[in-house]
């Protein structure tokens, strides 16, 4: 998922993303007109689960059904990222779910990671920052939000169902910024990228272990 300062079409403040793999968007439009999308955009550039005993018992045993405290495991499995502990670098997971697509240096089709989840699932800012792009005008990302964390660091969140922030908004890590949508292959997922100095980097080492 590329970032290039010359071809960001959506707004004057749009950052430098310039996908080179076109595809029809499957993300539902939100605040901006729909745009094309692809499951893994190309790029060149700048920029986290007892059953009761059957044995008979004397009268007092009737009060024994305390084994129902098992839901703890389920709560852990689907834990919301907003409550996750940040990594040493200050990042959190943008959404819970299994990583099904990983970053590969030099591969224009693998510039970030793909995290599967449920349609409409919250997508959250992975770190404090400012929204520098919120729109659907960049080919290959569908409904896209880009957050600037420092002069060198950007994070991008693609294939959303709806965007909930606008350009210029100041964002805190864990804040809901969008809802998960579908990619061009009609698969529900979040495409997440991190750019350092305009170049894509692997997001996984930045995120906390889970």
N, C-alpha and C. Protein backbone atom coordinates (compact mmCIF):
# COMPACT_ATOMS: atom_id res chain seq x y z
N UNK A 1 0.82 -1.18 0.00
CA UNK A 1 0.00 0.00 0.00
C UNK A 1 0.84 1.22 0.00
N UNK A 2 0.98 1.84 -1.14
CA UNK A 2 1.94 2.90 -1.33
C UNK A 2 1.51 4.24 -0.82
N UNK A 3 2.52 5.04 -0.67
CA UNK A 3 2.29 6.40 -0.23
C UNK A 3 3.16 7.32 -1.07
N UNK A 4 2.61 8.16 -1.88
CA UNK A 4 3.42 9.03 -2.72
C UNK A 4 2.86 10.42 -2.71
N UNK A 5 3.65 11.42 -2.47
CA UNK A 5 3.15 12.76 -2.26
C UNK A 5 2.51 13.39 -3.49
N UNK A 6 2.70 12.86 -4.65
CA UNK A 6 2.19 13.53 -5.82
C UNK A 6 0.81 13.10 -6.27
N UNK A 7 0.32 11.93 -5.84
CA UNK A 7 -0.93 11.48 -6.43
C UNK A 7 -2.04 11.18 -5.44
N UNK A 8 -2.07 11.80 -4.26
CA UNK A 8 -3.16 11.57 -3.35
C UNK A 8 -4.36 12.37 -3.81
N UNK A 9 -5.40 11.75 -4.42
CA UNK A 9 -6.44 12.47 -5.08
C UNK A 9 -7.53 13.02 -4.21
N UNK A 10 -7.69 12.52 -2.97
CA UNK A 10 -8.89 12.84 -2.26
C UNK A 10 -8.97 14.20 -1.63
N UNK A 11 -7.89 14.78 -1.16
CA UNK A 11 -7.98 16.09 -0.54
C UNK A 11 -6.64 16.76 -0.54
N UNK A 12 -6.67 18.07 -0.29
CA UNK A 12 -5.42 18.82 -0.32
C UNK A 12 -4.48 18.37 0.76
N UNK A 13 -5.05 17.80 1.84
CA UNK A 13 -4.17 17.36 2.92
C UNK A 13 -3.90 15.87 2.86
N UNK A 14 -4.40 15.23 1.80
CA UNK A 14 -4.23 13.79 1.72
C UNK A 14 -2.77 13.42 1.69
N UNK A 15 -2.38 12.38 2.45
CA UNK A 15 -0.99 11.96 2.48
C UNK A 15 -0.61 11.22 1.22
N UNK A 16 0.59 10.76 1.25
CA UNK A 16 1.18 10.26 0.04
C UNK A 16 0.97 8.79 -0.20
N UNK A 17 -0.26 8.37 -0.44
CA UNK A 17 -0.55 6.99 -0.79
C UNK A 17 -0.85 6.94 -2.27
N UNK A 18 -0.19 6.03 -2.97
CA UNK A 18 -0.46 5.92 -4.40
C UNK A 18 -0.53 4.47 -4.82
N UNK A 19 -1.65 3.76 -4.53
CA UNK A 19 -1.76 2.36 -4.89
C UNK A 19 -1.65 2.17 -6.39
N UNK A 20 -1.01 1.10 -6.79
CA UNK A 20 -0.86 0.85 -8.22
C UNK A 20 -1.64 -0.37 -8.66
N UNK A 21 -2.36 -1.05 -7.74
CA UNK A 21 -3.15 -2.21 -8.12
C UNK A 21 -4.62 -1.87 -8.05
N UNK A 22 -5.28 -1.50 -9.13
CA UNK A 22 -6.67 -1.09 -9.07
C UNK A 22 -7.59 -2.25 -8.81
N UNK A 23 -8.81 -1.96 -8.29
CA UNK A 23 -9.81 -2.98 -8.08
C UNK A 23 -11.07 -2.33 -7.60
N UNK A 24 -12.24 -2.97 -7.79
CA UNK A 24 -13.49 -2.35 -7.40
C UNK A 24 -13.69 -2.46 -5.92
N UNK A 25 -14.07 -1.36 -5.24
CA UNK A 25 -14.24 -1.34 -3.79
C UNK A 25 -15.45 -2.11 -3.36
N UNK A 26 -15.32 -2.87 -2.26
CA UNK A 26 -16.45 -3.57 -1.68
C UNK A 26 -16.87 -2.89 -0.41
N UNK A 27 -16.18 -1.82 0.01
CA UNK A 27 -16.52 -1.12 1.23
C UNK A 27 -17.70 -0.20 0.97
N UNK A 28 -18.68 -0.18 1.90
CA UNK A 28 -19.81 0.71 1.73
C UNK A 28 -19.37 2.13 1.93
N UNK A 29 -19.88 3.09 1.15
CA UNK A 29 -19.46 4.47 1.27
C UNK A 29 -19.88 5.08 2.57
N UNK A 30 -19.09 6.03 3.06
CA UNK A 30 -19.48 6.75 4.24
C UNK A 30 -19.53 8.20 3.91
N UNK A 31 -18.55 8.98 4.47
CA UNK A 31 -18.59 10.41 4.26
C UNK A 31 -18.11 10.84 2.91
N UNK A 32 -17.48 9.94 2.15
CA UNK A 32 -16.91 10.34 0.88
C UNK A 32 -17.40 9.41 -0.20
N UNK A 33 -17.32 9.76 -1.48
CA UNK A 33 -17.78 8.90 -2.56
C UNK A 33 -16.99 7.62 -2.61
N UNK A 34 -17.61 6.53 -3.11
CA UNK A 34 -16.96 5.23 -3.16
C UNK A 34 -15.75 5.22 -4.04
N UNK A 35 -14.87 4.26 -3.80
CA UNK A 35 -13.67 4.17 -4.62
C UNK A 35 -13.31 2.74 -4.81
N UNK A 36 -12.39 2.47 -5.71
CA UNK A 36 -11.97 1.11 -5.98
C UNK A 36 -11.21 0.52 -4.82
N UNK A 37 -11.18 -0.82 -4.76
CA UNK A 37 -10.44 -1.46 -3.69
C UNK A 37 -9.86 -2.76 -4.17
N UNK A 38 -8.80 -3.18 -3.52
CA UNK A 38 -8.19 -4.45 -3.83
C UNK A 38 -7.71 -5.08 -2.55
N UNK A 39 -7.68 -6.41 -2.52
CA UNK A 39 -7.35 -7.06 -1.26
C UNK A 39 -5.97 -6.71 -0.74
N UNK A 40 -5.00 -6.58 -1.61
CA UNK A 40 -3.67 -6.19 -1.18
C UNK A 40 -3.08 -5.19 -2.15
N UNK A 41 -3.18 -3.89 -1.90
CA UNK A 41 -2.69 -2.88 -2.82
C UNK A 41 -1.19 -2.91 -3.00
N UNK A 42 -0.77 -2.50 -4.17
CA UNK A 42 0.67 -2.42 -4.43
C UNK A 42 1.22 -1.12 -3.92
N UNK A 43 2.53 -1.05 -3.78
CA UNK A 43 3.11 0.18 -3.28
C UNK A 43 4.50 0.39 -3.77
N UNK A 44 4.87 1.63 -3.87
CA UNK A 44 6.25 1.94 -4.16
C UNK A 44 6.58 3.06 -3.25
N UNK A 45 6.57 3.26 -2.40
CA UNK A 45 6.97 4.33 -1.73
C UNK A 45 6.96 5.29 -0.67
N UNK A 46 7.43 6.62 -0.89
CA UNK A 46 7.51 7.37 0.32
C UNK A 46 6.40 7.06 1.27
N UNK A 47 6.58 7.40 2.41
CA UNK A 47 5.91 7.22 3.73
C UNK A 47 6.84 6.41 4.68
N UNK A 48 -4.24 -8.57 17.57
CA UNK A 48 -4.43 -9.91 19.05
C UNK A 48 -5.60 -11.17 19.18
N UNK A 49 -10.03 -20.11 25.56
CA UNK A 49 -11.55 -20.11 25.91
C UNK A 49 -12.00 -21.16 27.04
N UNK A 50 -16.79 -27.13 32.79
CA UNK A 50 -16.78 -27.98 33.96
C UNK A 50 -18.18 -28.47 34.24
N UNK A 51 -17.96 -29.12 33.70
CA UNK A 51 -19.32 -29.60 33.88
C UNK A 51 -19.52 -30.10 35.30
N UNK A 52 -20.76 -29.98 35.85
CA UNK A 52 -21.02 -30.38 37.23
C UNK A 52 -20.90 -31.87 37.42
N UNK A 53 -20.56 -32.27 38.61
CA UNK A 53 -20.40 -33.69 38.93
C UNK A 53 -21.74 -34.39 38.95
N UNK A 54 -21.76 -35.64 38.44
CA UNK A 54 -23.00 -36.40 38.41
C UNK A 54 -23.21 -37.14 39.72
N UNK A 55 -22.22 -37.17 40.60
CA UNK A 55 -22.32 -37.92 41.86
C UNK A 55 -23.36 -37.31 42.77
N UNK A 56 -24.26 -38.16 43.38
CA UNK A 56 -25.28 -37.63 44.28
C UNK A 56 -24.65 -37.01 45.51
N UNK A 57 -25.28 -36.01 46.05
CA UNK A 57 -24.75 -35.36 47.25
C UNK A 57 -25.88 -35.10 48.22
N UNK A 58 -25.58 -35.02 49.50
CA UNK A 58 -26.62 -34.74 50.49
C UNK A 58 -27.20 -33.35 50.28
N UNK A 59 -28.33 -33.16 50.93
CA UNK A 59 -29.12 -31.94 50.81
C UNK A 59 -28.38 -30.66 50.50
N UNK A 60 -27.35 -30.33 51.20
CA UNK A 60 -26.64 -29.06 50.99
C UNK A 60 -26.06 -28.96 49.60
N UNK A 61 -25.80 -30.07 48.93
CA UNK A 61 -25.18 -30.05 47.60
C UNK A 61 -26.06 -29.39 46.55
N UNK A 62 -27.31 -29.18 46.84
CA UNK A 62 -28.21 -28.56 45.87
C UNK A 62 -27.76 -27.14 45.54
N UNK A 63 -27.03 -26.53 46.43
CA UNK A 63 -26.56 -25.16 46.16
C UNK A 63 -25.23 -25.14 45.43
N UNK A 64 -24.75 -26.30 45.01
CA UNK A 64 -23.44 -26.38 44.39
C UNK A 64 -23.26 -25.80 43.00
N UNK A 65 -24.31 -25.56 42.18
CA UNK A 65 -24.08 -25.10 40.80
C UNK A 65 -23.27 -23.82 40.68
N UNK A 66 -22.07 -23.80 41.16
CA UNK A 66 -21.20 -22.62 41.03
C UNK A 66 -20.24 -22.74 39.86
N UNK A 67 -20.28 -23.83 39.12
CA UNK A 67 -19.35 -24.03 38.01
C UNK A 67 -19.62 -23.12 36.83
N UNK A 68 -20.67 -22.31 36.89
CA UNK A 68 -21.01 -21.44 35.76
C UNK A 68 -20.07 -20.27 35.58
N UNK A 69 -19.01 -20.18 36.34
CA UNK A 69 -18.06 -19.07 36.20
C UNK A 69 -17.11 -19.23 35.04
N UNK A 70 -17.37 -20.15 34.11
CA UNK A 70 -16.49 -20.36 32.97
C UNK A 70 -16.40 -19.26 31.92
N UNK A 71 -17.37 -18.32 31.80
CA UNK A 71 -17.28 -17.29 30.77
C UNK A 71 -16.03 -16.46 30.75
N UNK A 72 -15.16 -16.56 31.72
CA UNK A 72 -13.92 -15.78 31.73
C UNK A 72 -13.10 -16.01 30.47
N UNK A 73 -12.98 -17.25 30.05
CA UNK A 73 -12.17 -17.56 28.88
C UNK A 73 -12.72 -16.89 27.63
N UNK A 74 -14.04 -16.90 27.49
CA UNK A 74 -14.64 -16.31 26.31
C UNK A 74 -14.36 -14.82 26.27
N UNK A 75 -14.39 -14.18 27.43
CA UNK A 75 -14.14 -12.75 27.47
C UNK A 75 -12.72 -12.44 27.01
N UNK A 76 -11.79 -13.30 27.33
CA UNK A 76 -10.40 -13.08 26.93
C UNK A 76 -10.24 -13.25 25.43
N UNK A 77 -10.91 -14.26 24.89
CA UNK A 77 -10.76 -14.55 23.47
C UNK A 77 -11.15 -13.37 22.58
N UNK A 78 -12.25 -12.72 22.89
CA UNK A 78 -12.68 -11.62 22.05
C UNK A 78 -12.38 -10.27 22.66
N UNK A 79 -11.33 -10.19 23.46
CA UNK A 79 -10.99 -8.94 24.15
C UNK A 79 -10.88 -7.77 23.20
N UNK A 80 -11.43 -6.65 23.62
CA UNK A 80 -11.39 -5.45 22.78
C UNK A 80 -10.01 -4.83 22.86
N UNK A 81 -9.49 -4.41 21.73
CA UNK A 81 -8.13 -3.88 21.72
C UNK A 81 -7.97 -2.61 22.53
N UNK A 82 -9.06 -1.91 22.78
CA UNK A 82 -8.95 -0.67 23.54
C UNK A 82 -8.41 -0.95 24.94
N UNK A 83 -8.59 -2.19 25.44
CA UNK A 83 -8.12 -2.52 26.77
C UNK A 83 -6.77 -3.23 26.75
N UNK A 84 -6.21 -3.43 25.57
CA UNK A 84 -4.94 -4.14 25.50
C UNK A 84 -3.80 -3.23 25.93
N UNK A 85 -2.76 -3.84 26.48
CA UNK A 85 -1.60 -3.08 26.94
C UNK A 85 -0.74 -2.69 25.74
N UNK A 86 -0.35 -1.43 25.65
CA UNK A 86 0.48 -1.00 24.51
C UNK A 86 1.84 -1.69 24.50
N UNK A 87 2.43 -1.76 23.34
CA UNK A 87 3.78 -2.30 23.22
C UNK A 87 4.77 -1.28 23.76
N UNK A 88 6.03 -1.67 23.84
CA UNK A 88 7.07 -0.76 24.32
C UNK A 88 7.15 0.48 23.43
N UNK A 89 6.79 0.32 22.18
CA UNK A 89 6.84 1.45 21.24
C UNK A 89 5.57 2.30 21.30
N UNK A 90 4.61 1.90 22.14
CA UNK A 90 3.39 2.69 22.30
C UNK A 90 2.24 2.35 21.36
N UNK A 91 2.33 1.21 20.69
CA UNK A 91 1.28 0.80 19.75
C UNK A 91 0.34 -0.22 20.37
N UNK A 92 -0.93 -0.22 19.90
CA UNK A 92 -1.88 -1.27 20.27
C UNK A 92 -2.45 -1.87 18.98
N UNK A 93 -3.10 -3.02 19.09
CA UNK A 93 -3.73 -3.63 17.93
C UNK A 93 -4.91 -2.78 17.49
N UNK A 94 -5.05 -2.54 16.20
CA UNK A 94 -6.16 -1.72 15.72
C UNK A 94 -7.51 -2.42 15.80
N UNK A 95 -7.50 -3.74 15.87
CA UNK A 95 -8.74 -4.51 15.99
C UNK A 95 -8.36 -5.94 16.37
N UNK A 96 -9.23 -6.65 17.10
CA UNK A 96 -8.92 -8.05 17.40
C UNK A 96 -9.19 -8.91 16.17
N UNK A 97 -8.57 -10.06 16.10
CA UNK A 97 -8.80 -10.96 14.98
C UNK A 97 -7.53 -11.64 14.53
N UNK A 98 -7.69 -12.64 13.69
CA UNK A 98 -6.55 -13.40 13.19
C UNK A 98 -5.87 -12.68 12.03
N UNK A 99 -4.54 -12.66 12.06
CA UNK A 99 -3.77 -12.07 10.96
C UNK A 99 -3.68 -13.10 9.84
N UNK A 100 -4.26 -12.76 8.70
CA UNK A 100 -4.28 -13.71 7.58
C UNK A 100 -3.39 -13.28 6.42
N UNK A 101 -2.87 -12.07 6.51
CA UNK A 101 -1.96 -11.59 5.48
C UNK A 101 -0.84 -10.83 6.16
N UNK A 102 0.41 -11.17 5.86
CA UNK A 102 1.54 -10.55 6.54
C UNK A 102 2.38 -9.70 5.58
N UNK A 103 3.19 -8.85 6.18
CA UNK A 103 4.08 -7.96 5.43
C UNK A 103 5.26 -8.75 4.85
N UNK A 104 5.68 -8.36 3.66
CA UNK A 104 6.88 -8.94 3.05
C UNK A 104 7.66 -7.82 2.37
N UNK A 105 8.86 -7.57 2.84
CA UNK A 105 9.68 -6.50 2.29
C UNK A 105 9.92 -6.69 0.80
N UNK A 106 9.69 -5.65 0.05
CA UNK A 106 9.93 -5.71 -1.38
C UNK A 106 8.79 -6.28 -2.19
N UNK A 107 7.76 -6.82 -1.54
CA UNK A 107 6.62 -7.38 -2.25
C UNK A 107 5.52 -6.32 -2.34
N UNK A 108 5.25 -5.80 -3.52
CA UNK A 108 4.26 -4.73 -3.66
C UNK A 108 2.85 -5.15 -3.30
N UNK A 109 2.61 -6.45 -3.18
CA UNK A 109 1.29 -6.92 -2.81
C UNK A 109 1.16 -7.19 -1.31
N UNK A 110 2.25 -7.00 -0.57
CA UNK A 110 2.22 -7.29 0.88
C UNK A 110 2.92 -6.17 1.65
N UNK A 111 2.30 -5.00 1.61
CA UNK A 111 2.87 -3.81 2.24
C UNK A 111 2.38 -3.59 3.67
N UNK A 112 1.52 -4.48 4.17
CA UNK A 112 1.00 -4.36 5.53
C UNK A 112 0.47 -5.71 5.99
N UNK A 113 -0.50 -5.69 6.91
CA UNK A 113 -1.10 -6.93 7.38
C UNK A 113 -2.61 -6.87 7.20
N UNK A 114 -3.24 -8.04 7.06
CA UNK A 114 -4.69 -8.15 6.98
C UNK A 114 -5.20 -8.88 8.22
N UNK A 115 -6.19 -8.29 8.89
CA UNK A 115 -6.76 -8.87 10.11
C UNK A 115 -8.24 -9.14 9.86
N UNK A 116 -8.66 -10.42 9.96
CA UNK A 116 -10.07 -10.74 9.72
C UNK A 116 -10.88 -10.52 11.00
N UNK A 117 -12.18 -10.27 10.81
CA UNK A 117 -13.07 -10.04 11.95
C UNK A 117 -14.51 -10.07 11.49
N UNK A 118 -15.37 -9.40 12.24
CA UNK A 118 -16.80 -9.35 11.93
C UNK A 118 -17.15 -8.04 11.24
N UNK A 119 -18.09 -8.11 10.33
CA UNK A 119 -18.52 -6.91 9.62
C UNK A 119 -19.04 -5.87 10.62
N UNK A 120 -18.51 -4.67 10.55
CA UNK A 120 -18.92 -3.62 11.47
C UNK A 120 -18.13 -3.58 12.77
N UNK A 121 -17.18 -4.50 12.91
CA UNK A 121 -16.34 -4.55 14.12
C UNK A 121 -15.54 -3.25 14.27
N UNK A 122 -15.36 -2.75 15.51
CA UNK A 122 -14.62 -1.49 15.70
C UNK A 122 -13.18 -1.57 15.19
N UNK A 123 -12.77 -0.51 14.54
CA UNK A 123 -11.38 -0.32 14.13
C UNK A 123 -10.88 0.87 14.93
N UNK A 124 -9.74 0.72 15.60
CA UNK A 124 -9.26 1.75 16.52
C UNK A 124 -7.86 2.25 16.13
N UNK A 125 -7.58 3.46 16.53
CA UNK A 125 -6.26 4.03 16.27
C UNK A 125 -5.21 3.21 17.01
N UNK A 126 -4.16 2.85 16.32
CA UNK A 126 -3.11 2.03 16.93
C UNK A 126 -2.16 2.85 17.79
N UNK A 127 -2.24 4.16 17.66
CA UNK A 127 -1.36 5.04 18.43
C UNK A 127 -1.94 6.46 18.38
N UNK A 128 -1.54 7.32 19.32
CA UNK A 128 -1.98 8.72 19.29
C UNK A 128 -1.54 9.37 17.98
N UNK A 129 -2.33 10.34 17.52
CA UNK A 129 -1.93 11.05 16.31
C UNK A 129 -3.01 11.97 15.78
N UNK A 130 -2.85 12.37 14.55
CA UNK A 130 -3.81 13.26 13.89
C UNK A 130 -4.23 12.66 12.55
N UNK A 131 -5.52 12.71 12.28
CA UNK A 131 -6.04 12.19 11.01
C UNK A 131 -5.60 13.12 9.88
N UNK A 132 -4.86 12.58 8.94
CA UNK A 132 -4.41 13.38 7.80
C UNK A 132 -5.14 12.99 6.51
N UNK A 133 -5.88 11.89 6.54
CA UNK A 133 -6.70 11.51 5.39
C UNK A 133 -7.86 10.66 5.86
N UNK A 134 -9.06 10.97 5.36
CA UNK A 134 -10.26 10.17 5.62
C UNK A 134 -11.11 10.27 4.37
N UNK A 135 -11.11 9.20 3.58
CA UNK A 135 -11.83 9.25 2.32
C UNK A 135 -11.81 7.93 1.58
N UNK A 136 -12.31 7.96 0.37
CA UNK A 136 -12.38 6.75 -0.44
C UNK A 136 -11.83 7.01 -1.84
N UNK A 137 -10.97 8.01 -1.96
CA UNK A 137 -10.46 8.39 -3.27
C UNK A 137 -9.17 7.73 -3.69
N UNK A 138 -8.63 6.84 -2.89
CA UNK A 138 -7.37 6.20 -3.25
C UNK A 138 -7.61 4.76 -3.68
N UNK A 139 -7.26 4.46 -4.89
CA UNK A 139 -7.51 3.14 -5.46
C UNK A 139 -6.83 2.04 -4.65
N UNK A 140 -7.60 1.01 -4.34
CA UNK A 140 -7.04 -0.16 -3.67
C UNK A 140 -7.27 -0.25 -2.19
N UNK A 141 -7.85 0.77 -1.57
CA UNK A 141 -8.01 0.78 -0.12
C UNK A 141 -9.45 0.90 0.35
N UNK A 142 -10.38 1.14 -0.55
CA UNK A 142 -11.76 1.34 -0.14
C UNK A 142 -11.87 2.56 0.76
N UNK A 143 -12.71 2.46 1.79
CA UNK A 143 -12.84 3.54 2.77
C UNK A 143 -11.59 3.52 3.65
N UNK A 144 -10.82 4.59 3.58
CA UNK A 144 -9.48 4.61 4.18
C UNK A 144 -9.31 5.74 5.19
N UNK A 145 -8.62 5.43 6.30
CA UNK A 145 -8.24 6.45 7.28
C UNK A 145 -6.73 6.36 7.45
N UNK A 146 -6.06 7.53 7.42
CA UNK A 146 -4.61 7.57 7.64
C UNK A 146 -4.33 8.51 8.81
N UNK A 147 -3.51 8.06 9.74
CA UNK A 147 -3.18 8.85 10.93
C UNK A 147 -1.67 9.12 10.97
N UNK A 148 -1.33 10.37 11.22
CA UNK A 148 0.08 10.76 11.34
C UNK A 148 0.44 10.76 12.83
N UNK A 149 1.47 10.01 13.19
CA UNK A 149 1.88 9.88 14.59
C UNK A 149 3.10 10.73 14.93
N UNK A 150 3.90 11.04 13.93
CA UNK A 150 5.10 11.85 14.11
C UNK A 150 5.49 12.33 12.71
N UNK A 151 6.51 13.18 12.61
CA UNK A 151 6.91 13.62 11.27
C UNK A 151 7.25 12.47 10.33
N UNK A 152 7.64 11.34 10.89
CA UNK A 152 8.05 10.21 10.04
C UNK A 152 7.07 9.06 9.99
N UNK A 153 6.18 8.94 10.98
CA UNK A 153 5.32 7.76 11.10
C UNK A 153 3.87 8.00 10.73
N UNK A 154 3.34 7.12 9.87
CA UNK A 154 1.93 7.12 9.51
C UNK A 154 1.38 5.71 9.68
N UNK A 155 0.09 5.60 9.99
CA UNK A 155 -0.57 4.29 9.96
C UNK A 155 -1.82 4.42 9.10
N UNK A 156 -2.16 3.36 8.38
CA UNK A 156 -3.30 3.40 7.47
C UNK A 156 -4.24 2.23 7.75
N UNK A 157 -5.54 2.49 7.63
CA UNK A 157 -6.59 1.52 7.96
C UNK A 157 -7.55 1.46 6.78
N UNK A 158 -7.48 0.37 6.00
CA UNK A 158 -8.27 0.28 4.78
C UNK A 158 -9.39 -0.74 4.81
N UNK A 159 -10.29 -0.65 3.83
CA UNK A 159 -11.44 -1.53 3.65
C UNK A 159 -12.45 -1.41 4.80
N UNK A 160 -12.71 -0.19 5.22
CA UNK A 160 -13.69 0.02 6.29
C UNK A 160 -15.11 0.05 5.74
N UNK A 161 -16.07 -0.30 6.60
CA UNK A 161 -17.49 -0.18 6.24
C UNK A 161 -17.89 1.29 6.28
N UNK A 162 -17.40 1.97 7.33
CA UNK A 162 -17.70 3.38 7.49
C UNK A 162 -16.56 4.04 8.23
N UNK A 163 -16.27 5.30 7.89
CA UNK A 163 -15.25 6.07 8.59
C UNK A 163 -15.92 6.96 9.63
N UNK A 164 -15.31 7.12 10.80
CA UNK A 164 -15.92 7.88 11.89
C UNK A 164 -15.13 9.12 12.27
N UNK A 165 -14.07 9.42 11.55
CA UNK A 165 -13.25 10.60 11.85
C UNK A 165 -13.02 11.40 10.57
N UNK A 166 -12.60 12.64 10.77
CA UNK A 166 -12.34 13.50 9.62
C UNK A 166 -10.92 14.05 9.71
N UNK A 167 -10.44 14.56 8.61
CA UNK A 167 -9.09 15.11 8.58
C UNK A 167 -8.94 16.26 9.58
N UNK A 168 -7.85 16.25 10.30
CA UNK A 168 -7.60 17.28 11.31
C UNK A 168 -7.96 16.84 12.72
N UNK A 169 -8.73 15.74 12.85
CA UNK A 169 -9.09 15.25 14.19
C UNK A 169 -7.86 14.74 14.94
N UNK A 170 -7.76 15.11 16.21
CA UNK A 170 -6.70 14.59 17.08
C UNK A 170 -7.21 13.29 17.69
N UNK A 171 -6.43 12.24 17.58
CA UNK A 171 -6.86 10.90 17.96
C UNK A 171 -5.98 10.31 19.06
N UNK A 172 -6.61 9.56 19.97
CA UNK A 172 -5.88 8.84 21.02
C UNK A 172 -5.83 7.35 20.68
N UNK A 173 -4.77 6.69 21.08
CA UNK A 173 -4.66 5.24 20.86
C UNK A 173 -5.87 4.55 21.48
N UNK A 174 -6.50 3.66 20.73
CA UNK A 174 -7.67 2.95 21.21
C UNK A 174 -8.98 3.61 20.84
N UNK A 175 -8.93 4.83 20.33
CA UNK A 175 -10.16 5.52 19.93
C UNK A 175 -10.73 4.89 18.67
N UNK A 176 -12.06 4.69 18.65
CA UNK A 176 -12.71 4.11 17.48
C UNK A 176 -12.69 5.10 16.33
N UNK A 177 -12.15 4.68 15.21
CA UNK A 177 -12.04 5.58 14.06
C UNK A 177 -12.84 5.09 12.85
N UNK A 178 -13.26 3.82 12.87
CA UNK A 178 -13.97 3.26 11.73
C UNK A 178 -14.61 1.93 12.14
N UNK A 179 -15.34 1.33 11.19
CA UNK A 179 -15.90 -0.01 11.38
C UNK A 179 -15.43 -0.89 10.24
N UNK A 180 -15.11 -2.13 10.56
CA UNK A 180 -14.55 -3.05 9.57
C UNK A 180 -15.53 -3.34 8.43
N UNK A 181 -14.97 -3.34 7.21
CA UNK A 181 -15.77 -3.64 6.03
C UNK A 181 -15.19 -4.80 5.24
N UNK A 182 -15.40 -4.79 3.94
CA UNK A 182 -14.97 -5.90 3.09
C UNK A 182 -13.99 -5.42 2.02
N UNK A 183 -13.13 -6.33 1.59
CA UNK A 183 -12.21 -6.00 0.50
C UNK A 183 -12.85 -6.35 -0.84
N UNK A 184 -12.12 -6.23 -1.90
CA UNK A 184 -12.66 -6.48 -3.23
C UNK A 184 -13.07 -7.93 -3.43
N UNK A 185 -12.48 -8.84 -2.65
CA UNK A 185 -12.84 -10.26 -2.73
C UNK A 185 -14.02 -10.58 -1.82
N UNK A 186 -14.66 -9.55 -1.28
CA UNK A 186 -15.82 -9.69 -0.41
C UNK A 186 -15.49 -10.37 0.92
N UNK A 187 -14.24 -10.25 1.35
CA UNK A 187 -13.84 -10.82 2.64
C UNK A 187 -13.78 -9.71 3.68
N UNK A 188 -14.36 -9.98 4.86
CA UNK A 188 -14.38 -8.99 5.93
C UNK A 188 -13.00 -8.95 6.59
N UNK A 189 -12.34 -7.80 6.48
CA UNK A 189 -11.02 -7.66 7.09
C UNK A 189 -10.60 -6.20 7.17
N UNK A 190 -9.56 -5.97 7.96
CA UNK A 190 -8.91 -4.65 8.02
C UNK A 190 -7.54 -4.79 7.38
N UNK A 191 -7.22 -3.90 6.46
CA UNK A 191 -5.86 -3.86 5.92
C UNK A 191 -5.14 -2.74 6.67
N UNK A 192 -4.05 -3.09 7.36
CA UNK A 192 -3.35 -2.15 8.24
C UNK A 192 -1.90 -2.00 7.78
N UNK A 193 -1.49 -0.77 7.57
CA UNK A 193 -0.11 -0.49 7.16
C UNK A 193 0.53 0.55 8.06
N UNK A 194 1.84 0.49 8.14
CA UNK A 194 2.63 1.51 8.84
C UNK A 194 3.72 1.97 7.88
N UNK A 195 3.90 3.30 7.81
CA UNK A 195 4.94 3.87 6.97
C UNK A 195 5.91 4.67 7.83
N UNK A 196 7.19 4.49 7.58
CA UNK A 196 8.22 5.25 8.28
C UNK A 196 9.07 5.95 7.22
N UNK A 197 9.11 7.27 7.29
CA UNK A 197 9.84 8.03 6.29
C UNK A 197 9.32 7.77 4.89
N UNK A 198 8.04 7.49 4.77
CA UNK A 198 7.43 7.26 3.47
C UNK A 198 7.54 5.84 2.96
N UNK A 199 8.26 4.98 3.67
CA UNK A 199 8.44 3.60 3.22
C UNK A 199 7.66 2.63 4.11
N UNK A 200 7.06 1.58 3.51
CA UNK A 200 6.32 0.61 4.31
C UNK A 200 7.24 -0.19 5.22
N UNK A 201 6.79 -0.44 6.45
CA UNK A 201 7.54 -1.28 7.39
C UNK A 201 6.59 -2.33 7.95
N UNK A 202 7.14 -3.40 8.48
CA UNK A 202 6.34 -4.48 9.05
C UNK A 202 5.66 -4.00 10.33
N UNK A 203 4.32 -3.98 10.40
CA UNK A 203 3.64 -3.52 11.61
C UNK A 203 3.78 -4.48 12.80
N UNK A 204 3.96 -5.77 12.55
CA UNK A 204 3.95 -6.75 13.64
C UNK A 204 4.97 -6.50 14.74
N UNK A 205 6.22 -6.15 14.44
CA UNK A 205 7.18 -5.89 15.53
C UNK A 205 6.81 -4.68 16.38
N UNK A 206 6.00 -3.78 15.84
CA UNK A 206 5.59 -2.59 16.59
C UNK A 206 4.44 -2.88 17.55
N UNK A 207 3.63 -3.88 17.22
CA UNK A 207 2.44 -4.19 18.01
C UNK A 207 2.76 -5.09 19.19
N UNK A 208 1.94 -5.03 20.27
CA UNK A 208 2.20 -5.87 21.43
C UNK A 208 1.97 -7.35 21.13
N UNK A 209 2.70 -8.21 21.82
CA UNK A 209 2.51 -9.65 21.65
C UNK A 209 1.12 -10.01 22.16
N UNK A 210 0.50 -11.01 21.53
CA UNK A 210 -0.83 -11.42 21.99
C UNK A 210 -1.05 -12.90 21.75
